[in-house]
Amino acid sequence: MTVLLYFYFMVDAVSQDGFQKTGRGGFIKLINAISVAGVEHSWDQAVPGFEDVTGDAYLGTGNVYNTFGSVIQLGSALTLSAHPEVPEVSAERASKDPEEVAARVARLRKAEVLKGVRIIDLGCGKPNFALAATALGATVFTADLEPLGDHYGEQVHRHITVNLCEPEAVSTIEARTGTNLDMATESIIDLLPRQSLKLRKPRLDEILKVARTNV
């Protein structure tokens, strides 16, 4: 089954047994159980417990990279898990104590609750979500216009350097990942000021084509 997640489109397309079973309320409860509210702003929720793999602050505290979209992606991935530890953690009350929440995340990491789940993060940028999902046991592919570099590239299963606007993007990703992925996701694919002006932001239909062909 597949998650197609577009954060700026507010979950424009979701097709996944886990999410349908969990329901929107259950999904929000899961997010609340693994995150702490108001870390940067009163409306934000951030996930502690992955700083050792991301080399960053809590998951979801950034403005360009490591945004709240990463938290939504992580929650979506966790709904794919059949491990009993996930509903147990989800049933716990929301907490404002980062250490308490980090302990819950540590339980999920120790249990490798995403083991066997295959994910691709399209337009990954600085791949905080991909690194967090890998720490939970998932097999994670990343795709972006630029290489990841050795530090991050060694942590994910495989990185594909590809322009998602190009017609051959689908076949390039398919050749490097196969078509048996469980989740295809992207969060805020956009251009940065330092990138070439010849580039353009991929259209939604182009992202959908890549995702649907590879799952």
Protein backbone atom coordinates (compact mmCIF):
# COMPACT_ATOMS: atom_id res chain seq x y z
CA MET A 1 0.00 0.00 0.00
CA THR A 2 1.09 3.56 -0.56
CA VAL A 3 1.09 6.95 1.03
CA LEU A 4 1.20 9.88 -1.35
CA LEU A 5 1.75 12.87 0.92
CA TYR A 6 1.90 16.51 -0.16
CA PHE A 7 2.29 18.68 2.88
CA TYR A 8 1.60 22.01 1.20
CA PHE A 9 -1.52 20.45 -0.28
CA MET A 10 -2.53 19.28 3.22
CA VAL A 11 -2.47 15.56 2.49
CA ASP A 12 -3.82 15.93 -1.02
CA ALA A 13 -3.77 12.20 -1.73
CA VAL A 14 -3.51 9.38 0.77
CA SER A 15 -4.03 5.75 -0.18
CA GLN A 16 -3.01 3.40 2.56
CA ASP A 17 -4.65 0.66 4.63
CA GLY A 18 -2.98 1.82 7.83
CA PHE A 19 -4.23 5.39 7.54
CA GLN A 20 -7.73 4.25 6.61
CA LYS A 21 -7.76 1.88 9.59
CA THR A 22 -6.35 4.48 11.97
CA GLY A 23 -8.55 7.31 10.74
CA ARG A 24 -7.68 10.98 10.93
CA GLY A 25 -8.35 11.12 14.68
CA GLY A 26 -6.11 8.14 15.35
CA PHE A 27 -3.40 9.62 13.13
CA ILE A 28 -3.48 12.90 15.08
CA LYS A 29 -3.37 10.98 18.36
CA LEU A 30 -0.28 9.14 17.15
CA ILE A 31 1.40 12.44 16.20
CA ASN A 32 0.54 13.88 19.61
CA ALA A 33 2.02 10.85 21.40
CA ILE A 34 5.43 11.13 19.72
CA SER A 35 5.82 14.91 19.64
CA VAL A 36 6.11 17.90 21.94
CA ALA A 37 4.08 21.03 21.18
CA GLY A 38 5.37 24.59 21.25
CA VAL A 39 9.09 23.92 20.84
CA GLU A 40 9.60 26.79 18.40
CA HIS A 41 6.10 28.24 18.13
CA SER A 42 2.92 27.52 20.03
CA TRP A 43 1.37 25.74 17.01
CA ASP A 44 4.37 23.55 16.22
CA GLN A 45 4.91 19.95 17.19
CA ALA A 46 8.40 18.47 17.16
CA VAL A 47 9.68 14.94 17.69
CA PRO A 48 12.66 14.40 20.02
CA GLY A 49 14.81 11.29 19.95
CA PHE A 50 16.46 11.39 16.51
CA GLU A 51 19.09 14.06 17.06
CA ASP A 52 21.87 11.45 17.00
CA VAL A 53 21.06 10.46 13.42
CA THR A 54 19.95 13.82 11.98
CA GLY A 55 22.65 15.92 13.63
CA ASP A 56 19.92 18.50 14.07
CA ALA A 57 17.42 19.78 16.61
CA TYR A 58 14.17 17.94 17.24
CA LEU A 59 12.47 16.66 14.10
CA GLY A 60 10.17 19.37 12.74
CA THR A 61 11.74 22.57 14.09
CA GLY A 62 13.19 24.00 10.87
CA ASN A 63 11.89 26.58 8.42
CA VAL A 64 13.39 25.40 5.11
CA TYR A 65 14.74 21.97 6.03
CA ASN A 66 13.54 19.83 8.93
CA THR A 67 10.07 21.36 8.80
CA PHE A 68 6.86 20.16 10.47
CA GLY A 69 6.23 18.25 7.24
CA SER A 70 8.83 15.74 8.45
CA VAL A 71 6.68 15.05 11.51
CA ILE A 72 3.63 14.42 9.30
CA GLN A 73 5.69 12.11 7.08
CA LEU A 74 6.92 10.16 10.10
CA GLY A 75 3.41 9.75 11.48
CA SER A 76 2.19 8.52 8.09
CA ALA A 77 5.03 5.99 7.91
CA LEU A 78 4.23 4.70 11.39
CA THR A 79 0.65 3.92 10.36
CA LEU A 80 2.16 1.35 7.98
CA SER A 81 3.67 -0.57 10.89
CA ALA A 82 2.03 -3.74 12.18
CA HIS A 83 4.24 -3.77 15.25
CA PRO A 84 2.29 -3.80 18.55
CA GLU A 85 4.56 -1.13 20.03
CA VAL A 86 3.04 1.54 17.73
CA PRO A 87 -0.56 1.38 19.04
CA GLU A 88 0.80 1.09 22.58
CA VAL A 89 2.74 4.33 22.20
CA SER A 90 -0.17 5.96 20.37
CA ALA A 91 -2.46 5.20 23.31
CA GLU A 92 -0.29 7.22 25.69
CA ARG A 93 -1.32 10.76 26.57
CA ALA A 94 0.22 13.80 24.96
CA SER A 95 3.15 15.13 26.97
CA LYS A 96 5.00 18.43 27.18
CA ASP A 97 8.06 16.68 28.62
CA PRO A 98 10.67 16.12 25.86
CA GLU A 99 12.41 13.41 27.88
CA GLU A 100 9.18 11.43 28.29
CA VAL A 101 8.42 11.66 24.58
CA ALA A 102 12.03 10.82 23.63
CA ALA A 103 11.70 7.66 25.75
CA ARG A 104 8.67 6.65 23.67
CA VAL A 105 10.64 7.24 20.47
CA ALA A 106 13.49 5.15 21.92
CA ARG A 107 11.04 2.27 22.42
CA LEU A 108 9.95 2.52 18.78
CA ARG A 109 13.56 2.61 17.61
CA LYS A 110 14.58 -0.36 19.75
CA ALA A 111 11.66 -2.38 18.36
CA GLU A 112 12.52 -1.33 14.77
CA VAL A 113 8.81 -0.83 14.18
CA LEU A 114 9.29 0.06 10.49
CA LYS A 115 11.41 -2.99 9.65
CA GLY A 116 10.33 -4.36 6.28
CA VAL A 117 8.71 -1.08 5.18
CA ARG A 118 10.16 0.36 1.95
CA ILE A 119 9.91 4.12 1.49
CA ILE A 120 11.02 6.74 -1.01
CA ASP A 121 11.28 10.40 -0.04
CA LEU A 122 11.03 12.52 -3.20
CA GLY A 123 12.83 15.87 -3.11
CA CYS A 124 14.33 14.94 0.25
CA GLY A 125 16.63 17.95 0.69
CA LYS A 126 18.33 17.49 4.05
CA PRO A 127 16.80 14.07 4.67
CA ASN A 128 15.70 14.31 8.31
CA PHE A 129 12.53 12.29 7.78
CA ALA A 130 14.45 9.63 5.82
CA LEU A 131 17.06 9.38 8.58
CA ALA A 132 14.40 9.07 11.27
CA ALA A 133 12.53 6.39 9.33
CA THR A 134 15.80 4.50 8.79
CA ALA A 135 16.46 4.63 12.53
CA LEU A 136 13.06 2.98 13.01
CA GLY A 137 14.12 0.11 10.76
CA ALA A 138 12.69 1.15 7.38
CA THR A 139 14.47 0.69 4.07
CA VAL A 140 14.52 4.27 2.78
CA PHE A 141 15.40 5.58 -0.66
CA THR A 142 15.83 9.30 -1.24
CA ALA A 143 15.63 11.30 -4.47
CA ASP A 144 16.70 14.86 -5.07
CA LEU A 145 18.30 17.09 -7.64
CA GLU A 146 21.52 17.16 -5.65
CA PRO A 147 23.68 14.39 -4.13
CA LEU A 148 23.32 13.81 -0.40
CA GLY A 149 27.00 13.62 0.35
CA ASP A 150 28.74 10.77 2.14
CA HIS A 151 27.50 11.57 5.65
CA TYR A 152 23.80 11.25 4.87
CA GLY A 153 24.18 8.95 1.87
CA GLU A 154 25.74 6.24 4.02
CA GLN A 155 22.73 6.24 6.37
CA VAL A 156 19.90 5.80 3.86
CA HIS A 157 19.55 2.69 1.72
CA ARG A 158 20.17 4.50 -1.58
CA HIS A 159 20.04 8.05 -2.92
CA ILE A 160 19.00 8.80 -6.49
CA THR A 161 20.17 12.10 -7.97
CA VAL A 162 17.42 13.04 -10.41
CA ASN A 163 15.45 16.01 -11.73
CA LEU A 164 11.81 15.12 -11.05
CA CYS A 165 10.72 17.42 -13.88
CA GLU A 166 12.46 15.31 -16.50
CA PRO A 167 10.51 12.60 -18.40
CA GLU A 168 13.11 9.96 -17.55
CA ALA A 169 12.72 10.55 -13.80
CA VAL A 170 10.20 7.71 -13.54
CA SER A 171 12.40 5.12 -15.24
CA THR A 172 15.52 6.32 -13.39
CA ILE A 173 13.90 5.90 -9.99
CA GLU A 174 12.25 2.63 -10.97
CA ALA A 175 15.60 1.18 -12.05
CA ARG A 176 17.21 2.12 -8.73
CA THR A 177 14.39 1.10 -6.38
CA GLY A 178 12.11 -1.41 -8.08
CA THR A 179 8.33 -1.03 -7.95
CA ASN A 180 7.57 -2.67 -4.61
CA LEU A 181 7.69 0.38 -2.36
CA ASP A 182 5.22 0.74 0.49
CA MET A 183 5.29 4.53 0.71
CA ALA A 184 6.10 7.38 -1.64
CA THR A 185 6.22 10.77 0.04
CA GLU A 186 7.30 14.34 -0.49
CA SER A 187 7.16 17.38 1.73
CA ILE A 188 7.45 20.89 0.29
CA ILE A 189 9.36 20.28 -2.92
CA ASP A 190 10.48 23.76 -3.96
CA LEU A 191 13.45 25.67 -5.33
CA LEU A 192 15.97 27.44 -3.15
CA PRO A 193 17.59 30.78 -4.03
CA ARG A 194 21.01 29.18 -4.51
CA GLN A 195 19.73 26.78 -7.14
CA SER A 196 19.88 27.35 -10.90
CA LEU A 197 17.26 29.71 -12.36
CA LYS A 198 16.85 27.23 -15.23
CA LEU A 199 15.13 24.83 -12.88
CA ARG A 200 11.45 24.82 -12.10
CA LYS A 201 9.38 23.34 -9.32
CA PRO A 202 7.90 19.93 -10.27
CA ARG A 203 4.16 19.95 -10.93
CA LEU A 204 1.88 17.84 -8.78
CA ASP A 205 1.07 15.53 -11.70
CA GLU A 206 4.78 14.88 -12.27
CA ILE A 207 5.28 13.92 -8.63
CA LEU A 208 2.21 11.70 -8.74
CA LYS A 209 3.49 9.94 -11.85
CA VAL A 210 6.81 9.14 -10.21
CA ALA A 211 5.15 7.94 -7.00
CA ARG A 212 2.43 5.83 -8.61
CA THR A 213 4.83 4.13 -11.00
CA ASN A 214 7.19 3.04 -8.25
CA VAL A 215 4.76 1.52 -5.74
